[in-house]
């Protein structure tokens, strides 16, 4: 940009050799003084606005549903690659649903209680610990499919997770946070 400016300054006589035509300034001022035209919104433009609004709402709904469904079904996907007996699968799904409900309750308590963020943080830590145990047990079950002791340990881990979250909810209720 500096080179262009320097070139124009160095060769100014080539750029300034002609004056504007007579009446140029008056025509320019006349155009500036004219009122600007207001372009009315036509039906076509209104329909375009409606169409864009619909597309945005559908996109937001799809993204929201996708995010919600990932959170709701996250626990079931964790065990998708392992084959369980129907009883074990049913028990794991049951306890996963309970722990999700407990976490929702803890999130509600966290919004109304002064110590709620500490409670939520503690719940997330404990939940992460139990989830790590579940991953280890699931990996062990992948190596030794059908091992009833590992399946029982996995169910027990989910039970303990639910109990720990339930205890945190009770603690929050005792602190008059509900």
Protein backbone atom coordinates (compact mmCIF):
# COMPACT_ATOMS: atom_id res chain seq x y z
CA UNK A 1 0.00 0.00 0.00
CA UNK A 2 2.85 2.37 0.79
CA UNK A 3 4.46 1.64 -2.57
CA UNK A 4 1.25 2.59 -4.39
CA UNK A 5 0.95 5.85 -2.46
CA UNK A 6 4.57 6.66 -3.12
CA UNK A 7 4.10 5.91 -6.83
CA UNK A 8 1.09 8.25 -7.00
CA UNK A 9 3.00 11.03 -5.21
CA UNK A 10 6.04 10.60 -7.44
CA UNK A 11 3.88 10.72 -10.62
CA UNK A 12 1.31 13.28 -9.52
CA UNK A 13 1.49 15.23 -12.75
CA UNK A 14 0.12 12.21 -14.69
CA UNK A 15 -2.86 11.86 -12.37
CA UNK A 16 -3.80 15.56 -12.05
CA UNK A 17 -3.62 16.58 -15.70
CA UNK A 18 -7.38 17.12 -16.26
CA UNK A 19 -9.92 19.20 -14.40
CA UNK A 20 -13.49 17.91 -13.86
CA UNK A 21 -16.04 18.95 -16.48
CA UNK A 22 -17.89 22.21 -15.90
CA UNK A 23 -20.85 21.85 -13.55
CA UNK A 24 -19.41 18.73 -11.93
CA UNK A 25 -19.54 20.13 -8.42
CA UNK A 26 -23.11 21.43 -8.80
CA UNK A 27 -24.31 18.05 -10.18
CA UNK A 28 -22.57 16.30 -7.30
CA UNK A 29 -24.20 18.58 -4.71
CA UNK A 30 -27.58 18.12 -6.42
CA UNK A 31 -27.35 14.35 -6.15
CA UNK A 32 -26.38 14.59 -2.48
CA UNK A 33 -29.41 16.79 -1.80
CA UNK A 34 -31.87 14.36 -3.40
CA UNK A 35 -33.92 12.33 -0.97
CA UNK A 36 -33.07 8.68 -0.80
CA UNK A 37 -35.65 6.27 -2.10
CA UNK A 38 -37.20 3.93 0.45
CA UNK A 39 -37.51 0.47 -1.02
CA UNK A 40 -40.65 -1.23 0.30
CA UNK A 41 -40.45 -4.80 1.51
CA UNK A 42 -42.24 -6.96 -0.98
CA UNK A 43 -44.12 -10.15 -0.28
CA UNK A 44 -41.22 -12.09 -1.65
CA UNK A 45 -38.91 -10.61 0.96
CA UNK A 46 -41.42 -11.28 3.74
CA UNK A 47 -41.62 -14.94 2.73
CA UNK A 48 -37.84 -15.11 2.66
CA UNK A 49 -37.73 -13.82 6.23
CA UNK A 50 -40.30 -16.39 7.30
CA UNK A 51 -38.38 -19.16 5.52
CA UNK A 52 -35.10 -18.13 7.13
CA UNK A 53 -36.76 -18.04 10.56
CA UNK A 54 -38.17 -21.53 10.06
CA UNK A 55 -34.79 -22.88 8.96
CA UNK A 56 -33.08 -21.33 12.00
CA UNK A 57 -35.69 -22.78 14.38
CA UNK A 58 -35.48 -26.24 12.84
CA UNK A 59 -31.69 -26.16 13.01
CA UNK A 60 -31.70 -25.03 16.64
CA UNK A 61 -34.26 -27.70 17.53
CA UNK A 62 -32.23 -30.41 15.83
CA UNK A 63 -29.03 -29.36 17.55
CA UNK A 64 -30.81 -29.12 20.91
CA UNK A 65 -32.39 -32.54 20.52
CA UNK A 66 -29.05 -34.02 19.49
CA UNK A 67 -27.32 -32.56 22.55
CA UNK A 68 -30.09 -33.70 24.88
CA UNK A 69 -30.23 -37.20 23.44
CA UNK A 70 -26.47 -37.59 23.80
CA UNK A 71 -26.73 -36.68 27.48
CA UNK A 72 -29.75 -38.89 28.10
CA UNK A 73 -28.45 -41.94 26.27
CA UNK A 74 -24.77 -41.49 27.11
CA UNK A 75 -24.77 -44.18 29.77
CA UNK A 76 -26.34 -46.77 27.46
CA UNK A 77 -23.77 -46.05 24.73
CA UNK A 78 -20.97 -46.71 27.21
CA UNK A 79 -21.84 -50.42 27.23
CA UNK A 80 -22.85 -50.75 23.58
CA UNK A 81 -19.75 -52.67 22.50
CA UNK A 82 -20.07 -55.32 25.24
CA UNK A 83 -22.48 -58.24 25.21
CA UNK A 84 -24.40 -58.63 28.45
CA UNK A 85 -27.12 -60.97 29.55
CA UNK A 86 -30.55 -59.34 29.35
CA UNK A 87 -30.76 -59.13 33.16
CA UNK A 88 -27.41 -57.37 33.41
CA UNK A 89 -28.30 -54.97 30.60
CA UNK A 90 -31.62 -54.18 32.28
CA UNK A 91 -29.94 -53.55 35.66
CA UNK A 92 -27.27 -51.30 34.12
CA UNK A 93 -29.88 -49.29 32.23
CA UNK A 94 -31.97 -48.95 35.41
CA UNK A 95 -29.08 -47.66 37.52
CA UNK A 96 -27.86 -45.40 34.73
CA UNK A 97 -31.31 -43.84 34.57
CA UNK A 98 -31.35 -43.38 38.36
CA UNK A 99 -27.91 -41.74 38.40
CA UNK A 100 -28.98 -39.37 35.61
CA UNK A 101 -32.03 -38.41 37.69
CA UNK A 102 -29.83 -37.88 40.76
CA UNK A 103 -27.46 -35.63 38.79
CA UNK A 104 -30.45 -33.60 37.57
CA UNK A 105 -31.58 -33.18 41.18
CA UNK A 106 -28.09 -32.12 42.23
CA UNK A 107 -28.03 -29.55 39.42
CA UNK A 108 -31.34 -28.15 40.69
CA UNK A 109 -29.98 -27.98 44.25
CA UNK A 110 -26.83 -26.26 42.96
CA UNK A 111 -28.89 -23.39 41.55
CA UNK A 112 -30.77 -22.73 44.80
CA UNK A 113 -28.19 -23.43 47.49
CA UNK A 114 -25.23 -21.25 48.50
CA UNK A 115 -23.08 -24.39 48.84
CA UNK A 116 -24.65 -25.91 45.74
CA UNK A 117 -21.60 -25.48 43.51
CA UNK A 118 -19.46 -27.37 46.01
CA UNK A 119 -22.07 -30.11 46.15
CA UNK A 120 -22.21 -30.29 42.37
CA UNK A 121 -18.41 -30.37 42.12
CA UNK A 122 -18.23 -33.20 44.63
CA UNK A 123 -20.94 -35.12 42.75
CA UNK A 124 -19.06 -34.73 39.47
CA UNK A 125 -15.83 -35.97 41.07
CA UNK A 126 -17.49 -39.01 42.60
CA UNK A 127 -19.38 -39.72 39.39
CA UNK A 128 -16.13 -39.54 37.41
CA UNK A 129 -14.51 -42.02 39.79
CA UNK A 130 -17.36 -44.49 39.40
CA UNK A 131 -17.34 -43.98 35.62
CA UNK A 132 -13.61 -44.78 35.51
CA UNK A 133 -14.32 -47.98 37.47
CA UNK A 134 -17.08 -48.85 34.99
CA UNK A 135 -14.71 -48.40 32.06
CA UNK A 136 -12.14 -50.67 33.69
CA UNK A 137 -14.77 -53.33 34.39
CA UNK A 138 -16.14 -53.03 30.87
CA UNK A 139 -12.64 -53.49 29.44
CA UNK A 140 -12.20 -56.55 31.67
CA UNK A 141 -15.50 -57.92 30.40
CA UNK A 142 -14.42 -57.39 26.79
CA UNK A 143 -11.38 -59.56 27.48
CA UNK A 144 -13.44 -62.20 29.29
CA UNK A 145 -17.01 -62.14 27.90
CA UNK A 146 -19.73 -63.70 30.02
CA UNK A 147 -17.80 -63.45 33.29
CA UNK A 148 -20.59 -63.21 35.86
CA UNK A 149 -18.33 -61.85 38.59
CA UNK A 150 -17.29 -58.89 36.42
CA UNK A 151 -20.91 -58.28 35.42
CA UNK A 152 -21.93 -58.33 39.08
CA UNK A 153 -19.10 -55.92 39.95
CA UNK A 154 -20.26 -53.60 37.16
CA UNK A 155 -23.82 -53.61 38.50
CA UNK A 156 -22.56 -53.07 42.04
CA UNK A 157 -20.45 -50.12 40.86
CA UNK A 158 -23.54 -48.51 39.32
CA UNK A 159 -25.49 -49.14 42.54
CA UNK A 160 -22.76 -47.50 44.59
CA UNK A 161 -22.69 -44.51 42.24
CA UNK A 162 -26.44 -44.03 42.69
CA UNK A 163 -26.12 -44.35 46.49
CA UNK A 164 -23.26 -41.82 46.59
CA UNK A 165 -25.26 -39.30 44.55
CA UNK A 166 -28.32 -39.94 46.70
CA UNK A 167 -26.25 -39.24 49.83
CA UNK A 168 -25.11 -35.94 48.33
CA UNK A 169 -28.73 -35.01 47.66
CA UNK A 170 -29.58 -35.80 51.28
CA UNK A 171 -26.64 -33.68 52.40
CA UNK A 172 -27.93 -30.80 50.25
CA UNK A 173 -31.42 -31.21 51.72
CA UNK A 174 -30.02 -31.21 55.25
CA UNK A 175 -28.26 -27.94 54.47
CA UNK A 176 -31.73 -26.51 53.66
CA UNK A 177 -30.87 -26.12 50.01
CA UNK A 178 -34.03 -27.50 48.50
